[in-house]
Amino acid sequence: MKTLLDILRGMVIGLANVIPGVSGGTMMVSMGIFDKLIHAINHLFDEFKQSLRTLWPYLAGMVLAIILSSVALSIAFERFPLPTNTLFIGLILGSVPMILAQIKGAKINALHVVLFLIFAAIVIVPKAIANATLTEGNENGAQAVLSLDLWGIIKLFLLGVLASASMVVPGVSGSMMLKILGYYNPIVVDTLGGLFRTQLPARDWAGMGHSVLILIPFGIGIVVGIFGVAKLIELLLRRWKAPTYCAILGMVLASPVVILMDKSVYAQGVNAWIITAGVVTLALGVFGAIKLGGGKEEA
């Protein structure tokens, strides 16, 4: 049962990683497994068996969710954008008591408040810039062209490092960064989505080979970025736990704001039925965060 729950938690993290505006790191916090996963990533080599035992169910869930999201999640966001987004908002809000528990007893001072405000702004400002610079009907921005020359491979690696932020840092959406830069659709929708939606069913071997060659340097960048960022976060939590969690709280509470700032959330209009469905999925998200948050007891 524990392994199944961990796979489900991994699926939530995986879904969050491919949704612009939602952070996989935030989902890790919401389910009470943030510290545990950061420790397992940082000690993968010196505590190999224990770390692998901890990580594999989450990795399996993430991979499964990313594959499923290339079809099912895109349909949910296309047909029911507001209720789908409020589900994730509920998951995020359900994490707040767990974060507050981490700083319980700490004396809050001006530094903590400043960190909270700065890191909330770090999450909100990029979305505000995107809303200001991306024109109506072109919310994905000017789409970049992927190439497999030396510079193209280096760029894919660096984009992978950037995307890894959404998997580790709560509140930071690597997918949103990719969207602003014009690489979200080419990499996530066209390459990753196309691989499972069209190329595999059609047995398009040439197309699959090209997609894999694009995804390899991007994936290597993600792995390198995850280890680098995880090491930094573990250091911060060990030396400055309360200030770090105040910064995390700022990013987490800013995440619902960023989600609701996305114009696509209201693509199907807003009426009483949609609002009601949104309230229901919001409540389900909070409930799910509390239930999945049982992982905090295992940390």
C-alpha atoms as a PDB file:
ATOM      1  CA  MET A   1       0.000   0.000   0.000  1.00  0.00           C
ATOM      2  CA  LYS A   2       2.829   2.396   0.860  1.00  0.00           C
ATOM      3  CA  THR A   3       4.496   1.776  -2.510  1.00  0.00           C
ATOM      4  CA  LEU A   4       1.204   2.388  -4.331  1.00  0.00           C
ATOM      5  CA  LEU A   5       0.712   5.666  -2.451  1.00  0.00           C
ATOM      6  CA  ASP A   6       4.260   6.737  -3.326  1.00  0.00           C
ATOM      7  CA  ILE A   7       3.597   5.992  -7.015  1.00  0.00           C
ATOM      8  CA  LEU A   8       0.432   8.117  -6.812  1.00  0.00           C
ATOM      9  CA  ARG A   9       2.431  10.910  -5.174  1.00  0.00           C
ATOM     10  CA  GLY A  10       4.975  10.611  -7.984  1.00  0.00           C
ATOM     11  CA  MET A  11       2.166  10.926 -10.525  1.00  0.00           C
ATOM     12  CA  VAL A  12       1.016  14.172  -8.890  1.00  0.00           C
ATOM     13  CA  ILE A  13       4.579  15.520  -9.083  1.00  0.00           C
ATOM     14  CA  GLY A  14       4.899  14.405 -12.712  1.00  0.00           C
ATOM     15  CA  LEU A  15       1.632  16.074 -13.709  1.00  0.00           C
ATOM     16  CA  ALA A  16       2.671  19.293 -11.990  1.00  0.00           C
ATOM     17  CA  ASN A  17       6.001  19.346 -13.818  1.00  0.00           C
ATOM     18  CA  VAL A  18       4.404  19.516 -17.266  1.00  0.00           C
ATOM     19  CA  ILE A  19       1.790  22.169 -16.392  1.00  0.00           C
ATOM     20  CA  PRO A  20       2.953  25.779 -16.862  1.00  0.00           C
ATOM     21  CA  GLY A  21       2.507  27.669 -13.604  1.00  0.00           C
ATOM     22  CA  VAL A  22       2.456  24.582 -11.386  1.00  0.00           C
ATOM     23  CA  SER A  23       5.587  23.369  -9.582  1.00  0.00           C
ATOM     24  CA  GLY A  24       6.483  19.765  -8.874  1.00  0.00           C
ATOM     25  CA  GLY A  25       8.440  21.034  -5.877  1.00  0.00           C
ATOM     26  CA  THR A  26       5.250  22.568  -4.511  1.00  0.00           C
ATOM     27  CA  MET A  27       3.502  19.218  -4.816  1.00  0.00           C
ATOM     28  CA  MET A  28       6.376  17.587  -2.934  1.00  0.00           C
ATOM     29  CA  VAL A  29       5.853  20.071  -0.109  1.00  0.00           C
ATOM     30  CA  SER A  30       2.069  19.615  -0.203  1.00  0.00           C
ATOM     31  CA  MET A  31       2.445  15.868   0.314  1.00  0.00           C
ATOM     32  CA  GLY A  32       4.998  16.154   3.108  1.00  0.00           C
ATOM     33  CA  ILE A  33       7.797  14.401   1.198  1.00  0.00           C
ATOM     34  CA  PHE A  34       9.992  17.370   0.238  1.00  0.00           C
ATOM     35  CA  ASP A  35      12.787  16.890   2.807  1.00  0.00           C
ATOM     36  CA  LYS A  36      12.808  13.118   2.298  1.00  0.00           C
ATOM     37  CA  LEU A  37      13.199  13.323  -1.491  1.00  0.00           C
ATOM     38  CA  ILE A  38      15.824  16.079  -1.314  1.00  0.00           C
ATOM     39  CA  HIS A  39      17.851  13.910   1.086  1.00  0.00           C
ATOM     40  CA  ALA A  40      17.493  10.826  -1.139  1.00  0.00           C
ATOM     41  CA  ILE A  41      18.618  12.769  -4.244  1.00  0.00           C
ATOM     42  CA  ASN A  42      21.645  14.262  -2.494  1.00  0.00           C
ATOM     43  CA  HIS A  43      22.729  10.933  -0.964  1.00  0.00           C
ATOM     44  CA  LEU A  44      21.975   8.715  -3.946  1.00  0.00           C
ATOM     45  CA  PHE A  45      25.582   7.554  -4.251  1.00  0.00           C
ATOM     46  CA  ASP A  46      26.690   7.277  -0.614  1.00  0.00           C
ATOM     47  CA  GLU A  47      23.353   5.755   0.514  1.00  0.00           C
ATOM     48  CA  PHE A  48      22.565   4.089  -2.792  1.00  0.00           C
ATOM     49  CA  LYS A  49      20.238   1.251  -1.757  1.00  0.00           C
ATOM     50  CA  GLN A  50      18.187   3.311   0.692  1.00  0.00           C
ATOM     51  CA  SER A  51      17.958   6.303  -1.670  1.00  0.00           C
ATOM     52  CA  LEU A  52      16.971   4.115  -4.625  1.00  0.00           C
ATOM     53  CA  ARG A  53      14.351   2.376  -2.488  1.00  0.00           C
ATOM     54  CA  THR A  54      12.944   5.794  -1.592  1.00  0.00           C
ATOM     55  CA  LEU A  55      13.056   7.306  -5.076  1.00  0.00           C
ATOM     56  CA  TRP A  56      11.945   4.560  -7.460  1.00  0.00           C
ATOM     57  CA  PRO A  57       8.174   4.648  -6.722  1.00  0.00           C
ATOM     58  CA  TYR A  58       8.126   8.425  -7.193  1.00  0.00           C
ATOM     59  CA  LEU A  59      10.143   8.190 -10.406  1.00  0.00           C
ATOM     60  CA  ALA A  60       7.832   5.456 -11.726  1.00  0.00           C
ATOM     61  CA  GLY A  61       4.798   7.601 -10.939  1.00  0.00           C
ATOM     62  CA  MET A  62       6.361  10.663 -12.569  1.00  0.00           C
ATOM     63  CA  VAL A  63       7.203   8.817 -15.785  1.00  0.00           C
ATOM     64  CA  LEU A  64       3.723   7.267 -15.937  1.00  0.00           C
ATOM     65  CA  ALA A  65       2.067  10.637 -15.326  1.00  0.00           C
ATOM     66  CA  ILE A  66       4.151  12.422 -17.956  1.00  0.00           C
ATOM     67  CA  ILE A  67       3.223   9.774 -20.540  1.00  0.00           C
ATOM     68  CA  LEU A  68      -0.480   9.887 -19.619  1.00  0.00           C
ATOM     69  CA  SER A  69      -0.480  13.683 -19.500  1.00  0.00           C
ATOM     70  CA  SER A  70       0.528  13.848 -23.154  1.00  0.00           C
ATOM     71  CA  VAL A  71      -3.035  12.688 -23.913  1.00  0.00           C
ATOM     72  CA  ALA A  72      -5.401  12.719 -20.932  1.00  0.00           C
ATOM     73  CA  LEU A  73      -4.226  15.874 -19.183  1.00  0.00           C
ATOM     74  CA  SER A  74      -4.257  17.920 -22.365  1.00  0.00           C
ATOM     75  CA  ILE A  75      -7.923  16.929 -22.855  1.00  0.00           C
ATOM     76  CA  ALA A  76      -8.803  17.902 -19.273  1.00  0.00           C
ATOM     77  CA  PHE A  77      -7.151  21.301 -19.611  1.00  0.00           C
ATOM     78  CA  GLU A  78      -8.740  21.867 -23.005  1.00  0.00           C
ATOM     79  CA  ARG A  79     -12.304  20.935 -22.004  1.00  0.00           C
ATOM     80  CA  PHE A  80     -12.376  21.781 -18.273  1.00  0.00           C
ATOM     81  CA  PRO A  81      -9.603  24.343 -17.713  1.00  0.00           C
ATOM     82  CA  LEU A  82     -10.932  26.062 -14.574  1.00  0.00           C
ATOM     83  CA  PRO A  83     -11.935  22.940 -12.568  1.00  0.00           C
ATOM     84  CA  THR A  84      -8.692  21.202 -13.565  1.00  0.00           C
ATOM     85  CA  ASN A  85      -6.604  24.157 -12.434  1.00  0.00           C
ATOM     86  CA  THR A  86      -8.516  24.575  -9.177  1.00  0.00           C
ATOM     87  CA  LEU A  87      -7.758  20.931  -8.406  1.00  0.00           C
ATOM     88  CA  PHE A  88      -4.058  21.798  -8.418  1.00  0.00           C
ATOM     89  CA  ILE A  89      -4.720  24.989  -6.450  1.00  0.00           C
ATOM     90  CA  GLY A  90      -6.390  22.823  -3.795  1.00  0.00           C
ATOM     91  CA  LEU A  91      -3.345  20.549  -3.693  1.00  0.00           C
ATOM     92  CA  ILE A  92      -1.139  23.606  -3.241  1.00  0.00           C
ATOM     93  CA  LEU A  93      -3.264  25.215  -0.511  1.00  0.00           C
ATOM     94  CA  GLY A  94      -3.425  21.904   1.314  1.00  0.00           C
ATOM     95  CA  SER A  95       0.339  22.122   1.808  1.00  0.00           C
ATOM     96  CA  VAL A  96       0.300  25.399   3.759  1.00  0.00           C
ATOM     97  CA  PRO A  97      -0.284  23.873   7.233  1.00  0.00           C
ATOM     98  CA  MET A  98       2.648  21.500   6.645  1.00  0.00           C
ATOM     99  CA  ILE A  99       4.953  24.409   5.789  1.00  0.00           C
ATOM    100  CA  LEU A 100       3.781  26.415   8.800  1.00  0.00           C
ATOM    101  CA  ALA A 101       4.523  23.390  10.985  1.00  0.00           C
ATOM    102  CA  GLN A 102       8.152  23.529   9.814  1.00  0.00           C
ATOM    103  CA  ILE A 103       8.613  27.073  11.150  1.00  0.00           C
ATOM    104  CA  LYS A 104       6.483  26.648  14.271  1.00  0.00           C
ATOM    105  CA  GLY A 105       8.272  28.089  17.272  1.00  0.00           C
ATOM    106  CA  ALA A 106      10.677  30.181  15.194  1.00  0.00           C
ATOM    107  CA  LYS A 107      10.782  33.905  15.944  1.00  0.00           C
ATOM    108  CA  ILE A 108       9.553  35.655  12.805  1.00  0.00           C
ATOM    109  CA  ASN A 109      11.455  38.854  12.041  1.00  0.00           C
ATOM    110  CA  ALA A 110      11.760  41.372   9.215  1.00  0.00           C
ATOM    111  CA  LEU A 111      14.142  39.102   7.269  1.00  0.00           C
ATOM    112  CA  HIS A 112      11.560  36.310   7.160  1.00  0.00           C
ATOM    113  CA  VAL A 113       8.886  38.702   5.867  1.00  0.00           C
ATOM    114  CA  VAL A 114      11.218  40.176   3.235  1.00  0.00           C
ATOM    115  CA  LEU A 115      12.181  36.685   2.017  1.00  0.00           C
ATOM    116  CA  PHE A 116       8.499  35.731   1.829  1.00  0.00           C
ATOM    117  CA  LEU A 117       7.701  38.804  -0.310  1.00  0.00           C
ATOM    118  CA  ILE A 118      10.773  38.519  -2.557  1.00  0.00           C
ATOM    119  CA  PHE A 119      10.226  34.875  -3.407  1.00  0.00           C
ATOM    120  CA  ALA A 120       6.501  35.394  -3.941  1.00  0.00           C
ATOM    121  CA  ALA A 121       7.448  38.103  -6.442  1.00  0.00           C
ATOM    122  CA  ILE A 122       9.953  35.764  -8.120  1.00  0.00           C
ATOM    123  CA  VAL A 123       7.059  33.431  -8.914  1.00  0.00           C
ATOM    124  CA  ILE A 124       4.502  36.069  -9.925  1.00  0.00           C
ATOM    125  CA  VAL A 125       6.652  38.501 -11.952  1.00  0.00           C
ATOM    126  CA  PRO A 126       7.576  36.078 -14.798  1.00  0.00           C
ATOM    127  CA  LYS A 127       3.882  35.318 -15.333  1.00  0.00           C
ATOM    128  CA  ALA A 128       3.046  39.021 -15.300  1.00  0.00           C
ATOM    129  CA  ILE A 129       5.770  39.563 -17.905  1.00  0.00           C
ATOM    130  CA  ALA A 130       4.352  36.724 -19.999  1.00  0.00           C
ATOM    131  CA  ASN A 131       0.843  38.216 -19.818  1.00  0.00           C
ATOM    132  CA  ALA A 132       2.204  41.606 -20.860  1.00  0.00           C
ATOM    133  CA  THR A 133       4.368  40.377 -23.726  1.00  0.00           C
ATOM    134  CA  LEU A 134       2.353  37.490 -25.234  1.00  0.00           C
ATOM    135  CA  THR A 135      -0.413  38.765 -27.456  1.00  0.00           C
ATOM    136  CA  GLU A 136      -4.019  37.549 -27.462  1.00  0.00           C
ATOM    137  CA  GLY A 137      -4.296  34.352 -29.487  1.00  0.00           C
ATOM    138  CA  ASN A 138      -0.560  33.746 -29.165  1.00  0.00           C
ATOM    139  CA  GLU A 139      -0.310  32.818 -25.497  1.00  0.00           C
ATOM    140  CA  ASN A 140       2.481  30.361 -26.211  1.00  0.00           C
ATOM    141  CA  GLY A 141       4.650  33.100 -27.658  1.00  0.00           C
ATOM    142  CA  ALA A 142       6.912  32.838 -30.684  1.00  0.00           C
ATOM    143  CA  GLN A 143       7.807  29.167 -30.892  1.00  0.00           C
ATOM    144  CA  ALA A 144      11.490  28.309 -31.055  1.00  0.00           C
ATOM    145  CA  VAL A 145      12.897  25.903 -33.615  1.00  0.00           C
ATOM    146  CA  LEU A 146      14.775  22.888 -32.260  1.00  0.00           C
ATOM    147  CA  SER A 147      17.972  21.711 -33.905  1.00  0.00           C
ATOM    148  CA  LEU A 148      20.494  18.934 -33.310  1.00  0.00           C
ATOM    149  CA  ASP A 149      23.688  20.808 -34.170  1.00  0.00           C
ATOM    150  CA  LEU A 150      26.226  21.439 -31.386  1.00  0.00           C
ATOM    151  CA  TRP A 151      24.660  24.710 -30.217  1.00  0.00           C
ATOM    152  CA  GLY A 152      21.187  23.197 -30.423  1.00  0.00           C
ATOM    153  CA  ILE A 153      22.244  20.275 -28.183  1.00  0.00           C
ATOM    154  CA  ILE A 154      23.906  22.641 -25.675  1.00  0.00           C
ATOM    155  CA  LYS A 155      20.745  24.769 -25.647  1.00  0.00           C
ATOM    156  CA  LEU A 156      18.553  21.709 -25.004  1.00  0.00           C
ATOM    157  CA  PHE A 157      20.837  20.736 -22.109  1.00  0.00           C
ATOM    158  CA  LEU A 158      20.594  24.236 -20.579  1.00  0.00           C
ATOM    159  CA  LEU A 159      16.818  24.240 -21.033  1.00  0.00           C
ATOM    160  CA  GLY A 160      16.725  20.922 -19.167  1.00  0.00           C
ATOM    161  CA  VAL A 161      18.653  22.494 -16.277  1.00  0.00           C
ATOM    162  CA  LEU A 162      16.112  25.329 -16.246  1.00  0.00           C
ATOM    163  CA  ALA A 163      13.160  22.920 -16.357  1.00  0.00           C
ATOM    164  CA  SER A 164      14.596  20.954 -13.430  1.00  0.00           C
ATOM    165  CA  ALA A 165      13.791  23.921 -11.185  1.00  0.00           C
ATOM    166  CA  SER A 166      10.097  23.016 -11.346  1.00  0.00           C
ATOM    167  CA  MET A 167      10.897  19.520 -10.078  1.00  0.00           C
ATOM    168  CA  VAL A 168      12.799  20.647  -6.997  1.00  0.00           C
ATOM    169  CA  VAL A 169      12.123  24.288  -6.082  1.00  0.00           C
ATOM    170  CA  PRO A 170       8.616  24.827  -4.650  1.00  0.00           C
ATOM    171  CA  GLY A 171       6.656  27.493  -6.486  1.00  0.00           C
ATOM    172  CA  VAL A 172       9.039  27.756  -9.443  1.00  0.00           C
ATOM    173  CA  SER A 173       7.563  26.492 -12.698  1.00  0.00           C
ATOM    174  CA  GLY A 174      10.195  25.396 -15.191  1.00  0.00           C
ATOM    175  CA  SER A 175       7.364  24.762 -17.658  1.00  0.00           C
ATOM    176  CA  MET A 176       6.337  28.412 -17.371  1.00  0.00           C
ATOM    177  CA  MET A 177       9.923  29.481 -18.082  1.00  0.00           C
ATOM    178  CA  LEU A 178       9.966  27.250 -21.154  1.00  0.00           C
ATOM    179  CA  LYS A 179       6.649  28.755 -22.263  1.00  0.00           C
ATOM    180  CA  ILE A 180       7.926  32.315 -21.936  1.00  0.00           C
ATOM    181  CA  LEU A 181      11.065  31.430 -23.933  1.00  0.00           C
ATOM    182  CA  GLY A 182       8.994  29.697 -26.624  1.00  0.00           C
ATOM    183  CA  TYR A 183      10.284  26.165 -25.977  1.00  0.00           C
ATOM    184  CA  TYR A 184       7.328  24.628 -24.132  1.00  0.00           C
ATOM    185  CA  ASN A 185       5.333  23.607 -27.214  1.00  0.00           C
ATOM    186  CA  PRO A 186       8.329  22.423 -29.284  1.00  0.00           C
ATOM    187  CA  ILE A 187       9.705  20.224 -26.460  1.00  0.00           C
ATOM    188  CA  VAL A 188       6.745  19.194 -24.279  1.00  0.00           C
ATOM    189  CA  VAL A 189       3.782  19.265 -26.669  1.00  0.00           C
ATOM    190  CA  ASP A 190       5.307  18.553 -30.084  1.00  0.00           C
ATOM    191  CA  THR A 191       8.292  16.324 -29.227  1.00  0.00           C
ATOM    192  CA  LEU A 192       7.269  14.529 -26.018  1.00  0.00           C
ATOM    193  CA  GLY A 193       3.541  14.574 -26.747  1.00  0.00           C
ATOM    194  CA  GLY A 194       4.015  13.695 -30.401  1.00  0.00           C
ATOM    195  CA  LEU A 195       6.224  10.745 -29.467  1.00  0.00           C
ATOM    196  CA  PHE A 196       3.410   9.029 -27.540  1.00  0.00           C
ATOM    197  CA  ARG A 197       0.365  10.386 -29.384  1.00  0.00           C
ATOM    198  CA  THR A 198       1.352   9.834 -33.007  1.00  0.00           C
ATOM    199  CA  GLN A 199       4.823   8.403 -33.589  1.00  0.00           C
ATOM    200  CA  LEU A 200       4.586   5.320 -31.375  1.00  0.00           C
ATOM    201  CA  PRO A 201       1.054   4.313 -32.548  1.00  0.00           C
ATOM    202  CA  ALA A 202       2.087   4.852 -36.179  1.00  0.00           C
ATOM    203  CA  ARG A 203       5.457   3.122 -35.681  1.00  0.00           C
ATOM    204  CA  ASP A 204       7.181   6.142 -37.176  1.00  0.00           C
ATOM    205  CA  TRP A 205      10.733   5.012 -36.403  1.00  0.00           C
ATOM    206  CA  ALA A 206      12.407   8.021 -38.030  1.00  0.00           C
ATOM    207  CA  GLY A 207      10.181  10.425 -36.112  1.00  0.00           C
ATOM    208  CA  MET A 208      10.751   8.528 -32.843  1.00  0.00           C
ATOM    209  CA  GLY A 209      14.514   8.620 -33.383  1.00  0.00           C
ATOM    210  CA  HIS A 210      14.461  12.382 -33.923  1.00  0.00           C
ATOM    211  CA  SER A 211      12.288  12.933 -30.834  1.00  0.00           C
ATOM    212  CA  VAL A 212      14.561  10.770 -28.666  1.00  0.00           C
ATOM    213  CA  LEU A 213      17.658  12.648 -29.866  1.00  0.00           C
ATOM    214  CA  ILE A 214      15.985  15.898 -28.784  1.00  0.00           C
ATOM    215  CA  LEU A 215      14.849  14.534 -25.434  1.00  0.00           C
ATOM    216  CA  ILE A 216      18.227  12.975 -24.443  1.00  0.00           C
ATOM    217  CA  PRO A 217      20.206  16.242 -23.943  1.00  0.00           C
ATOM    218  CA  PHE A 218      17.121  17.860 -22.417  1.00  0.00           C
ATOM    219  CA  GLY A 219      16.761  14.939 -19.980  1.00  0.00           C
ATOM    220  CA  ILE A 220      20.469  15.014 -19.066  1.00  0.00           C
ATOM    221  CA  GLY A 221      20.092  18.715 -18.268  1.00  0.00           C
ATOM    222  CA  ILE A 222      17.147  17.924 -15.993  1.00  0.00           C
ATOM    223  CA  VAL A 223      19.152  15.305 -14.076  1.00  0.00           C
ATOM    224  CA  VAL A 224      22.170  17.614 -13.655  1.00  0.00           C
ATOM    225  CA  GLY A 225      19.913  20.484 -12.565  1.00  0.00           C
ATOM    226  CA  ILE A 226      18.031  18.377 -10.032  1.00  0.00           C
ATOM    227  CA  PHE A 227      21.225  17.256  -8.280  1.00  0.00           C
ATOM    228  CA  GLY A 228      22.661  20.781  -8.245  1.00  0.00           C
ATOM    229  CA  VAL A 229      19.515  22.469  -6.911  1.00  0.00           C
ATOM    230  CA  ALA A 230      18.792  19.683  -4.402  1.00  0.00           C
ATOM    231  CA  LYS A 231      22.263  20.081  -2.886  1.00  0.00           C
ATOM    232  CA  LEU A 232      21.705  23.814  -2.455  1.00  0.00           C
ATOM    233  CA  ILE A 233      18.272  23.339  -0.874  1.00  0.00           C
ATOM    234  CA  GLU A 234      19.559  20.730   1.587  1.00  0.00           C
ATOM    235  CA  LEU A 235      22.313  23.144   2.645  1.00  0.00           C
ATOM    236  CA  LEU A 236      19.811  25.972   3.141  1.00  0.00           C
ATOM    237  CA  LEU A 237      17.421  23.797   5.146  1.00  0.00           C
ATOM    238  CA  ARG A 238      20.231  22.565   7.366  1.00  0.00           C
ATOM    239  CA  ARG A 239      21.682  26.001   8.151  1.00  0.00           C
ATOM    240  CA  TRP A 240      18.732  28.385   7.787  1.00  0.00           C
ATOM    241  CA  LYS A 241      15.582  26.289   8.116  1.00  0.00           C
ATOM    242  CA  ALA A 242      13.074  28.995   9.133  1.00  0.00           C
ATOM    243  CA  PRO A 243      14.178  31.611   6.543  1.00  0.00           C
ATOM    244  CA  THR A 244      14.239  28.947   3.824  1.00  0.00           C
ATOM    245  CA  TYR A 245      10.725  27.778   4.640  1.00  0.00           C
ATOM    246  CA  CYS A 246       9.509  31.410   4.705  1.00  0.00           C
ATOM    247  CA  ALA A 247      10.865  31.764   1.164  1.00  0.00           C
ATOM    248  CA  ILE A 248       9.211  28.468   0.197  1.00  0.00           C
ATOM    249  CA  LEU A 249       5.920  29.651   1.719  1.00  0.00           C
ATOM    250  CA  GLY A 250       6.086  32.799  -0.404  1.00  0.00           C
ATOM    251  CA  MET A 251       6.552  30.758  -3.580  1.00  0.00           C
ATOM    252  CA  VAL A 252       3.847  28.261  -2.644  1.00  0.00           C
ATOM    253  CA  LEU A 253       1.209  30.909  -1.848  1.00  0.00           C
ATOM    254  CA  ALA A 254       2.113  32.773  -5.040  1.00  0.00           C
ATOM    255  CA  SER A 255       1.520  29.664  -7.169  1.00  0.00           C
ATOM    256  CA  PRO A 256      -2.336  29.799  -7.080  1.00  0.00           C
ATOM    257  CA  VAL A 257      -2.132  33.474  -8.065  1.00  0.00           C
ATOM    258  CA  VAL A 258       0.013  32.569 -11.075  1.00  0.00           C
ATOM    259  CA  ILE A 259      -2.368  29.788 -12.099  1.00  0.00           C
ATOM    260  CA  LEU A 260      -5.365  32.127 -11.966  1.00  0.00           C
ATOM    261  CA  MET A 261      -3.440  34.763 -13.962  1.00  0.00           C
ATOM    262  CA  ASP A 262      -3.267  32.365 -16.923  1.00  0.00           C
ATOM    263  CA  LYS A 263      -5.803  33.374 -19.568  1.00  0.00           C
ATOM    264  CA  SER A 264      -6.252  29.782 -20.691  1.00  0.00           C
ATOM    265  CA  VAL A 265      -7.925  28.995 -17.337  1.00  0.00           C
ATOM    266  CA  TYR A 266     -10.975  30.939 -18.537  1.00  0.00           C
ATOM    267  CA  ALA A 267     -10.912  29.674 -22.133  1.00  0.00           C
ATOM    268  CA  GLN A 268     -14.281  27.880 -21.813  1.00  0.00           C
ATOM    269  CA  GLY A 269     -15.939  30.842 -20.105  1.00  0.00           C
ATOM    270  CA  VAL A 270     -17.110  31.176 -16.522  1.00  0.00           C
ATOM    271  CA  ASN A 271     -20.628  30.402 -15.338  1.00  0.00           C
ATOM    272  CA  ALA A 272     -22.328  29.029 -12.233  1.00  0.00           C
ATOM    273  CA  TRP A 273     -21.735  25.391 -13.207  1.00  0.00           C
ATOM    274  CA  ILE A 274     -18.047  25.906 -13.916  1.00  0.00           C
ATOM    275  CA  ILE A 275     -17.572  27.845 -10.677  1.00  0.00           C
ATOM    276  CA  THR A 276     -19.366  25.088  -8.739  1.00  0.00           C
ATOM    277  CA  ALA A 277     -17.178  22.436 -10.375  1.00  0.00           C
ATOM    278  CA  GLY A 278     -14.132  24.551  -9.543  1.00  0.00           C
ATOM    279  CA  VAL A 279     -15.113  24.751  -5.865  1.00  0.00           C
ATOM    280  CA  VAL A 280     -15.624  20.975  -5.780  1.00  0.00           C
ATOM    281  CA  THR A 281     -12.249  20.211  -7.377  1.00  0.00           C
ATOM    282  CA  LEU A 282     -10.605  22.782  -5.086  1.00  0.00           C
ATOM    283  CA  ALA A 283     -11.985  20.915  -2.069  1.00  0.00           C
ATOM    284  CA  LEU A 284     -10.904  17.587  -3.567  1.00  0.00           C
ATOM    285  CA  GLY A 285      -7.410  18.996  -4.059  1.00  0.00           C
ATOM    286  CA  VAL A 286      -7.151  20.105  -0.431  1.00  0.00           C
ATOM    287  CA  PHE A 287      -8.479  16.712   0.706  1.00  0.00           C
ATOM    288  CA  GLY A 288      -6.031  14.923  -1.583  1.00  0.00           C
ATOM    289  CA  ALA A 289      -3.104  16.971  -0.258  1.00  0.00           C
ATOM    290  CA  ILE A 290      -4.040  16.055   3.310  1.00  0.00           C
ATOM    291  CA  LYS A 291      -4.375  12.348   2.470  1.00  0.00           C
ATOM    292  CA  LEU A 292      -1.257  12.144   0.311  1.00  0.00           C
ATOM    293  CA  GLY A 293       0.518  14.214   2.940  1.00  0.00           C
ATOM    294  CA  GLY A 294       0.755  11.097   5.035  1.00  0.00           C
ATOM    295  CA  GLY A 295       4.278  10.911   3.561  1.00  0.00           C
ATOM    296  CA  LYS A 296       5.421  13.467   6.132  1.00  0.00           C
ATOM    297  CA  GLU A 297       5.268  10.783   8.777  1.00  0.00           C
ATOM    298  CA  GLU A 298       7.791   8.713   6.879  1.00  0.00           C
ATOM    299  CA  ALA A 299      10.317  11.487   6.308  1.00  0.00           C
END
